[in-house]
Amino acid sequence: MSKPSSRASAARRNAEALLSKAQKREQTFKLDQEREHEAMLLKTARLRELRLAKEAAENENKPEPPAAPAPRPAKPRRSKQT
């Protein structure tokens, strides 16, 4: 009777080993995913800061546009006479 119980315990050990490997892979994957997400957030924040700084510098150096002349009143359109 020791054979069936040893087979069962061996199968159980194998199953537990596979499960622990799968759990470790999953945990590693989640950590990698979280790190990538944090890196993307940092990159996005850095790029946003650069863009805003560039826009601010462009607005500072931009000369004031000359005052636009007053718009002329629109003339009524005439239809073509044939």
Protein backbone atom coordinates (compact mmCIF):
# COMPACT_ATOMS: atom_id res chain seq x y z
CA MET A 1 0.00 0.00 0.00
CA SER A 2 2.95 2.33 0.21
CA LYS A 3 3.19 2.56 -3.58
CA PRO A 4 -0.09 4.43 -4.19
CA SER A 5 0.54 6.89 -1.37
CA SER A 6 4.08 7.57 -2.58
CA ARG A 7 2.76 8.12 -6.11
CA ALA A 8 0.14 10.50 -4.79
CA SER A 9 2.66 12.41 -2.72
CA ALA A 10 5.04 12.61 -5.70
CA ALA A 11 2.23 13.89 -7.90
CA ARG A 12 1.29 16.39 -5.22
CA ARG A 13 4.89 17.62 -4.96
CA ASN A 14 5.08 17.98 -8.74
CA ALA A 15 1.79 19.90 -8.83
CA GLU A 16 2.90 22.18 -6.00
CA ALA A 17 6.23 22.81 -7.73
CA LEU A 18 4.44 23.75 -10.96
CA LEU A 19 2.04 25.97 -9.07
CA SER A 20 4.82 27.77 -7.24
CA LYS A 21 6.68 28.33 -10.53
CA ALA A 22 3.52 29.73 -12.13
CA GLN A 23 2.88 32.00 -9.15
CA LYS A 24 6.46 33.26 -9.23
CA ARG A 25 6.19 33.96 -12.98
CA GLU A 26 2.93 35.80 -12.43
CA GLN A 27 4.39 37.86 -9.59
CA THR A 28 7.47 38.73 -11.67
CA PHE A 29 5.25 39.69 -14.61
CA LYS A 30 3.12 41.97 -12.42
CA LEU A 31 6.21 43.66 -10.97
CA ASP A 32 7.63 44.23 -14.46
CA GLN A 33 4.31 45.61 -15.63
CA GLU A 34 4.14 47.99 -12.66
CA ARG A 35 7.70 49.20 -13.27
CA GLU A 36 6.96 49.82 -16.95
CA HIS A 37 3.82 51.75 -16.02
CA GLU A 38 5.74 53.92 -13.54
CA ALA A 39 8.46 54.54 -16.13
CA MET A 40 5.83 55.59 -18.67
CA LEU A 41 4.24 57.98 -16.16
CA LEU A 42 7.64 59.56 -15.41
CA LYS A 43 8.40 59.91 -19.10
CA THR A 44 5.01 61.48 -19.78
CA ALA A 45 5.46 63.97 -16.93
CA ARG A 46 8.95 64.88 -18.15
CA LEU A 47 7.75 65.38 -21.73
CA ARG A 48 4.81 67.48 -20.51
CA GLU A 49 7.18 69.72 -18.53
CA LEU A 50 9.42 70.13 -21.57
CA ARG A 51 6.48 70.97 -23.82
CA LEU A 52 5.10 73.53 -21.39
CA ALA A 53 8.54 75.13 -20.97
CA LYS A 54 8.95 75.32 -24.73
CA GLU A 55 5.52 76.88 -25.19
CA ALA A 56 6.25 79.42 -22.45
CA ALA A 57 9.58 80.33 -24.08
CA GLU A 58 7.91 80.71 -27.46
CA ASN A 59 5.22 82.96 -26.00
CA GLU A 60 7.83 85.16 -24.27
CA ASN A 61 9.86 85.64 -27.46
CA LYS A 62 6.87 86.14 -29.68
CA PRO A 63 6.56 89.79 -30.78
CA GLU A 64 3.21 91.47 -30.45
CA PRO A 65 1.35 91.29 -33.76
CA PRO A 66 0.51 94.66 -35.29
CA ALA A 67 -3.02 95.83 -34.72
CA ALA A 68 -5.24 94.46 -37.41
CA PRO A 69 -7.06 97.05 -39.52
CA ALA A 70 -10.77 97.32 -38.90
CA PRO A 71 -12.68 94.90 -41.11
CA ARG A 72 -14.48 96.43 -44.04
CA PRO A 73 -18.22 96.00 -44.21
CA ALA A 74 -19.17 93.22 -46.56
CA LYS A 75 -20.58 94.33 -49.90
CA PRO A 76 -23.79 92.69 -51.02
CA ARG A 77 -23.19 90.22 -53.78
CA ARG A 78 -24.85 90.72 -57.10
CA SER A 79 -26.06 87.95 -59.27
CA LYS A 80 -24.73 87.76 -62.81
CA GLN A 81 -26.94 89.27 -65.41
CA THR A 82 -27.17 87.37 -68.62
